[in-house]
């Protein structure tokens, strides 16, 4: 029996509809997961470069070559990105600078998170005088912009890697305190919190077993975004001469050293500036994508 066009039309229409639905679903998944994949790959690549700096850097970041002062990118085979005013290889300095900048960004955020989140949850759950004391201290620190507060702390303690991480961590800590308190105030009114208290759960148990896990997704998203803020702050401190002292390279002090040659030798500031931009972009992409993935309201659940 011959198969007519009218007989296969419904099946063909259903197949086309299924394919269009699959393509739409793929497009939604790409929009949802694309930024986090791109951001995660960029961040992972920078972390690998920073960790493997001794292996990836073609030359020592402090080695000076008198015959290659202020040479542009590609002008000498051994200096791919050119050299600075002392004849130091710029590619090696940017690679080693990633180690300091990312280390400061990650550790300072972890420090602010570990100190600020428990204080914020305690303020939101305990209330009363405890909340007032914690929040007034946080408000006092938040009266200063992040860079200014970090600058004051570093100026008082002296420029070093540890002091820089401490200063940026303290400057970011009030943000974690306020966010954790806000989340705790919302979560503490939920039915399961009231049930846990009715079953004899103490404040510490309620905070550790119920409040913190349910606030974690928002805290992780904000912490990821604050890594970018910490990297910018570290670059600002180093640019002002209050970060890690030379000759240790950081992206900020590479910018600072190259600013006086920016008209004649723009590569001195271009590549370190691009490194800062890419690092900030990577962690912002990861933070935004994590928010979309972890927040049930944005997932439509």
Protein backbone atom coordinates (compact mmCIF):
# COMPACT_ATOMS: atom_id res chain seq x y z
CA UNK A 1 0.00 0.00 0.00
CA UNK A 2 1.38 3.39 -0.96
CA UNK A 3 2.15 5.86 1.81
CA UNK A 4 0.50 9.19 1.08
CA UNK A 5 1.75 12.62 2.09
CA UNK A 6 -1.32 13.16 4.27
CA UNK A 7 -0.51 9.98 6.21
CA UNK A 8 2.99 11.00 7.18
CA UNK A 9 2.20 14.70 7.81
CA UNK A 10 1.15 14.30 11.51
CA UNK A 11 4.22 12.18 12.31
CA UNK A 12 6.51 14.64 10.51
CA UNK A 13 4.93 17.56 12.33
CA UNK A 14 5.41 15.84 15.69
CA UNK A 15 9.07 15.11 14.87
CA UNK A 16 9.70 18.73 13.92
CA UNK A 17 7.99 19.90 17.12
CA UNK A 18 10.14 17.59 19.24
CA UNK A 19 13.31 18.83 17.52
CA UNK A 20 12.33 22.47 18.03
CA UNK A 21 11.58 21.76 21.70
CA UNK A 22 14.98 20.06 22.07
CA UNK A 23 16.73 23.05 20.48
CA UNK A 24 14.88 25.47 22.75
CA UNK A 25 15.82 23.36 25.77
CA UNK A 26 19.46 23.30 24.62
CA UNK A 27 19.39 27.07 24.19
CA UNK A 28 18.04 27.52 27.71
CA UNK A 29 20.68 25.19 29.12
CA UNK A 30 23.40 27.03 27.19
CA UNK A 31 22.23 30.38 28.53
CA UNK A 32 22.10 28.93 32.03
CA UNK A 33 25.36 27.00 32.09
CA UNK A 34 27.37 28.89 29.47
CA UNK A 35 28.52 31.78 31.70
CA UNK A 36 29.50 29.52 34.61
CA UNK A 37 31.48 27.24 32.27
CA UNK A 38 33.28 30.17 30.66
CA UNK A 39 33.91 31.90 33.99
CA UNK A 40 34.99 28.67 35.69
CA UNK A 41 37.40 27.81 32.87
CA UNK A 42 38.89 31.30 32.96
CA UNK A 43 39.24 31.24 36.75
CA UNK A 44 40.65 27.71 36.71
CA UNK A 45 43.15 28.66 34.01
CA UNK A 46 44.37 31.63 36.06
CA UNK A 47 44.67 29.51 39.21
CA UNK A 48 46.67 26.90 37.29
CA UNK A 49 48.93 29.60 35.84
CA UNK A 50 49.48 31.06 39.31
CA UNK A 51 50.21 27.66 40.87
CA UNK A 52 52.56 26.64 38.05
CA UNK A 53 54.30 30.00 37.72
CA UNK A 54 57.82 28.56 38.25
CA UNK A 55 57.20 26.13 35.37
CA UNK A 56 55.32 28.43 32.99
CA UNK A 57 57.34 31.63 33.36
CA UNK A 58 60.05 31.63 30.66
CA UNK A 59 62.46 33.74 32.74
CA UNK A 60 62.95 34.92 36.29
CA UNK A 61 60.62 37.86 37.04
CA UNK A 62 63.47 39.80 38.66
CA UNK A 63 66.20 39.04 36.09
CA UNK A 64 67.39 42.21 34.36
CA UNK A 65 68.68 42.30 30.79
CA UNK A 66 70.63 45.47 29.99
CA UNK A 67 70.40 44.89 26.24
CA UNK A 68 66.59 44.68 26.30
CA UNK A 69 65.30 47.76 28.11
CA UNK A 70 61.78 48.89 27.17
CA UNK A 71 61.51 46.54 24.22
CA UNK A 72 58.09 46.05 22.72
CA UNK A 73 56.22 42.75 22.34
CA UNK A 74 57.83 40.47 19.79
CA UNK A 75 60.86 42.69 19.21
CA UNK A 76 63.08 40.11 20.90
CA UNK A 77 62.30 36.41 20.64
CA UNK A 78 62.90 35.62 24.32
CA UNK A 79 60.59 38.46 25.48
CA UNK A 80 57.15 37.69 24.03
CA UNK A 81 55.32 40.55 25.76
CA UNK A 82 58.29 42.91 25.86
CA UNK A 83 60.32 44.24 28.78
CA UNK A 84 60.07 47.01 31.38
CA UNK A 85 62.38 49.89 32.23
CA UNK A 86 64.84 47.53 33.95
CA UNK A 87 64.88 44.99 31.12
CA UNK A 88 62.75 42.46 33.03
CA UNK A 89 60.59 40.06 31.06
CA UNK A 90 57.00 41.27 31.20
CA UNK A 91 55.39 37.88 30.53
CA UNK A 92 57.22 36.33 33.47
CA UNK A 93 56.22 39.20 35.73
CA UNK A 94 52.54 38.97 34.74
CA UNK A 95 52.55 35.20 35.36
CA UNK A 96 54.19 35.56 38.76
CA UNK A 97 51.91 38.51 39.54
CA UNK A 98 48.92 36.19 39.14
CA UNK A 99 50.19 34.15 42.09
CA UNK A 100 50.16 37.11 44.49
CA UNK A 101 46.96 38.72 43.20
CA UNK A 102 44.89 35.52 43.25
CA UNK A 103 46.32 34.40 46.58
CA UNK A 104 45.37 37.69 48.18
CA UNK A 105 41.92 37.62 46.54
CA UNK A 106 41.05 34.08 47.64
CA UNK A 107 42.51 34.07 51.15
CA UNK A 108 41.18 37.51 52.10
CA UNK A 109 37.64 36.51 51.08
CA UNK A 110 37.92 33.25 53.04
CA UNK A 111 39.09 35.25 56.07
CA UNK A 112 36.19 37.71 55.80
CA UNK A 113 33.74 34.83 55.27
CA UNK A 114 34.95 32.74 58.23
CA UNK A 115 34.84 35.71 60.62
CA UNK A 116 31.86 37.63 59.28
CA UNK A 117 29.30 34.89 58.61
CA UNK A 118 29.20 33.40 62.15
CA UNK A 119 28.95 36.89 63.63
CA UNK A 120 26.10 37.80 61.28
CA UNK A 121 24.17 34.58 61.98
CA UNK A 122 24.70 35.06 65.71
CA UNK A 123 23.35 38.61 65.46
CA UNK A 124 20.30 37.47 63.50
CA UNK A 125 19.43 34.55 65.77
CA UNK A 126 20.40 35.92 69.18
CA UNK A 127 19.06 39.48 68.73
CA UNK A 128 19.11 41.92 71.66
CA UNK A 129 22.37 43.44 72.87
CA UNK A 130 24.47 40.91 71.00
CA UNK A 131 22.93 41.98 67.69
CA UNK A 132 23.31 45.67 68.54
CA UNK A 133 27.00 45.32 69.44
CA UNK A 134 27.88 43.27 66.35
CA UNK A 135 25.96 45.43 63.90
CA UNK A 136 27.24 48.74 65.24
CA UNK A 137 30.81 47.50 64.81
CA UNK A 138 29.96 46.38 61.28
CA UNK A 139 28.35 49.74 60.51
CA UNK A 140 31.44 51.52 61.77
CA UNK A 141 33.65 49.53 59.38
CA UNK A 142 31.22 49.97 56.49
CA UNK A 143 31.41 53.73 56.87
CA UNK A 144 34.71 53.47 54.97
CA UNK A 145 34.94 52.35 51.32
CA UNK A 146 36.64 48.97 50.95
CA UNK A 147 39.81 50.32 49.35
CA UNK A 148 40.11 53.18 51.85
CA UNK A 149 39.68 50.91 54.88
CA UNK A 150 42.20 48.41 53.50
CA UNK A 151 44.59 51.27 52.79
CA UNK A 152 44.32 52.55 56.37
CA UNK A 153 44.97 49.10 57.83
CA UNK A 154 47.93 48.40 55.55
CA UNK A 155 49.39 51.85 56.24
CA UNK A 156 49.17 51.12 59.97
CA UNK A 157 50.56 47.57 59.80
CA UNK A 158 53.04 47.99 56.95
CA UNK A 159 53.09 46.62 53.44
CA UNK A 160 53.43 42.83 53.25
CA UNK A 161 51.52 39.91 51.79
CA UNK A 162 50.00 38.83 55.12
CA UNK A 163 49.04 42.39 56.11
CA UNK A 164 47.43 42.95 52.73
CA UNK A 165 45.31 39.81 53.03
CA UNK A 166 44.35 40.77 56.58
CA UNK A 167 43.42 44.31 55.57
CA UNK A 168 41.24 43.27 52.63
CA UNK A 169 39.62 40.51 54.70
CA UNK A 170 38.71 42.97 57.45
CA UNK A 171 37.40 45.45 54.86
CA UNK A 172 35.12 42.79 53.35
CA UNK A 173 33.99 41.27 56.64
CA UNK A 174 31.14 43.77 57.38
CA UNK A 175 29.47 42.84 54.09
CA UNK A 176 29.33 39.19 55.14
CA UNK A 177 28.06 40.19 58.59
CA UNK A 178 25.16 42.18 57.19
CA UNK A 179 24.20 39.57 54.59
CA UNK A 180 24.38 36.68 57.07
CA UNK A 181 22.26 38.61 59.59
CA UNK A 182 19.65 39.44 56.94
CA UNK A 183 19.40 35.79 55.89
CA UNK A 184 19.27 34.62 59.51
CA UNK A 185 16.40 37.01 60.29
CA UNK A 186 14.40 35.50 57.42
CA UNK A 187 15.26 31.87 58.12
CA UNK A 188 14.65 32.04 61.89
CA UNK A 189 10.93 32.62 61.29
CA UNK A 190 10.47 29.46 59.20
CA UNK A 191 8.40 26.60 60.55
CA UNK A 192 11.25 24.09 60.65
CA UNK A 193 13.28 26.47 62.86
CA UNK A 194 10.35 26.76 65.27
CA UNK A 195 10.01 22.97 65.23
CA UNK A 196 13.73 22.50 65.96
CA UNK A 197 13.44 24.83 68.94
CA UNK A 198 10.31 23.07 70.17
CA UNK A 199 12.24 19.79 70.14
CA UNK A 200 14.83 21.30 72.47
CA UNK A 201 17.45 22.48 69.98
CA UNK A 202 19.76 25.11 71.44
CA UNK A 203 20.84 28.29 69.71
CA UNK A 204 24.18 26.88 68.60
CA UNK A 205 22.60 23.73 67.17
CA UNK A 206 19.91 25.70 65.36
CA UNK A 207 22.51 28.03 63.84
CA UNK A 208 24.84 25.23 62.76
CA UNK A 209 22.28 22.64 61.60
CA UNK A 210 19.52 24.79 60.13
CA UNK A 211 20.31 28.49 59.63
CA UNK A 212 23.79 28.22 58.13
CA UNK A 213 23.05 25.43 55.57
CA UNK A 214 19.97 27.27 54.30
CA UNK A 215 21.87 30.56 53.95
CA UNK A 216 24.92 28.97 52.38
CA UNK A 217 23.95 29.31 48.71
CA UNK A 218 23.54 33.08 48.92
CA UNK A 219 26.72 33.44 50.96
CA UNK A 220 28.75 31.40 48.45
CA UNK A 221 27.46 33.52 45.56
CA UNK A 222 28.42 36.75 47.31
CA UNK A 223 31.80 35.33 48.35
CA UNK A 224 32.55 34.49 44.72
CA UNK A 225 31.70 38.02 43.66
CA UNK A 226 33.84 39.47 46.44
CA UNK A 227 36.88 37.61 45.12
CA UNK A 228 36.77 40.01 42.18
CA UNK A 229 36.48 42.93 44.62
CA UNK A 230 39.48 41.65 46.58
CA UNK A 231 41.58 41.35 43.40
CA UNK A 232 40.71 44.94 42.45
CA UNK A 233 41.48 46.14 45.96
CA UNK A 234 44.85 44.36 45.98
CA UNK A 235 45.69 45.92 42.63
CA UNK A 236 44.74 49.34 43.99
CA UNK A 237 46.91 48.94 47.09
CA UNK A 238 49.88 47.75 45.03
CA UNK A 239 49.36 50.58 42.55
CA UNK A 240 49.56 53.06 45.43
CA UNK A 241 52.74 51.41 46.74
CA UNK A 242 51.10 49.93 49.86
CA UNK A 243 50.91 46.33 48.74
CA UNK A 244 53.59 43.67 48.49
CA UNK A 245 56.91 45.53 48.26
CA UNK A 246 59.06 45.25 45.10
CA UNK A 247 60.70 43.41 43.48
CA UNK A 248 57.91 40.85 44.03
CA UNK A 249 55.63 41.33 41.01
CA UNK A 250 51.90 41.89 41.35
CA UNK A 251 49.50 43.12 38.72
CA UNK A 252 49.04 46.36 40.64
CA UNK A 253 52.70 47.29 41.01
CA UNK A 254 53.35 46.36 37.35
CA UNK A 255 50.70 48.95 36.48
CA UNK A 256 52.25 51.45 38.87
CA UNK A 257 55.75 51.02 37.45
CA UNK A 258 54.55 51.35 33.87
CA UNK A 259 52.34 54.43 34.25
CA UNK A 260 55.21 56.89 33.65
CA UNK A 261 55.92 55.19 30.31
CA UNK A 262 52.31 54.79 29.24
CA UNK A 263 52.63 57.15 26.24
CA UNK A 264 55.75 55.63 24.73
CA UNK A 265 55.49 52.03 26.04
CA UNK A 266 51.79 51.20 26.53
CA UNK A 267 52.47 47.45 26.76
CA UNK A 268 53.81 47.95 30.28
CA UNK A 269 50.30 48.63 31.57
CA UNK A 270 48.20 46.90 28.91
CA UNK A 271 48.93 43.27 29.77
CA UNK A 272 48.69 43.60 33.56
CA UNK A 273 45.49 45.61 33.14
CA UNK A 274 44.06 42.88 30.89
CA UNK A 275 44.98 40.26 33.50
CA UNK A 276 43.07 42.17 36.18
CA UNK A 277 40.10 42.62 33.87
CA UNK A 278 39.96 38.93 32.93
CA UNK A 279 40.27 37.80 36.56
CA UNK A 280 37.48 40.14 37.68
CA UNK A 281 35.31 39.09 34.73
CA UNK A 282 35.88 35.38 35.42
CA UNK A 283 34.80 35.52 39.07
CA UNK A 284 31.87 37.82 38.29
CA UNK A 285 30.64 35.36 35.65
CA UNK A 286 30.94 32.49 38.10
CA UNK A 287 29.12 34.45 40.81
CA UNK A 288 26.25 35.51 38.55
CA UNK A 289 25.85 32.02 37.14
CA UNK A 290 25.90 30.44 40.60
CA UNK A 291 23.17 32.84 41.67
CA UNK A 292 21.01 31.78 38.72
CA UNK A 293 21.66 28.09 39.36
CA UNK A 294 21.29 27.99 43.13
CA UNK A 295 18.44 30.44 43.72
CA UNK A 296 15.17 28.46 43.39
CA UNK A 297 13.23 31.64 42.60
CA UNK A 298 15.39 32.23 39.49
CA UNK A 299 15.10 28.54 38.49
CA UNK A 300 11.33 28.87 38.49
CA UNK A 301 10.91 26.25 41.21
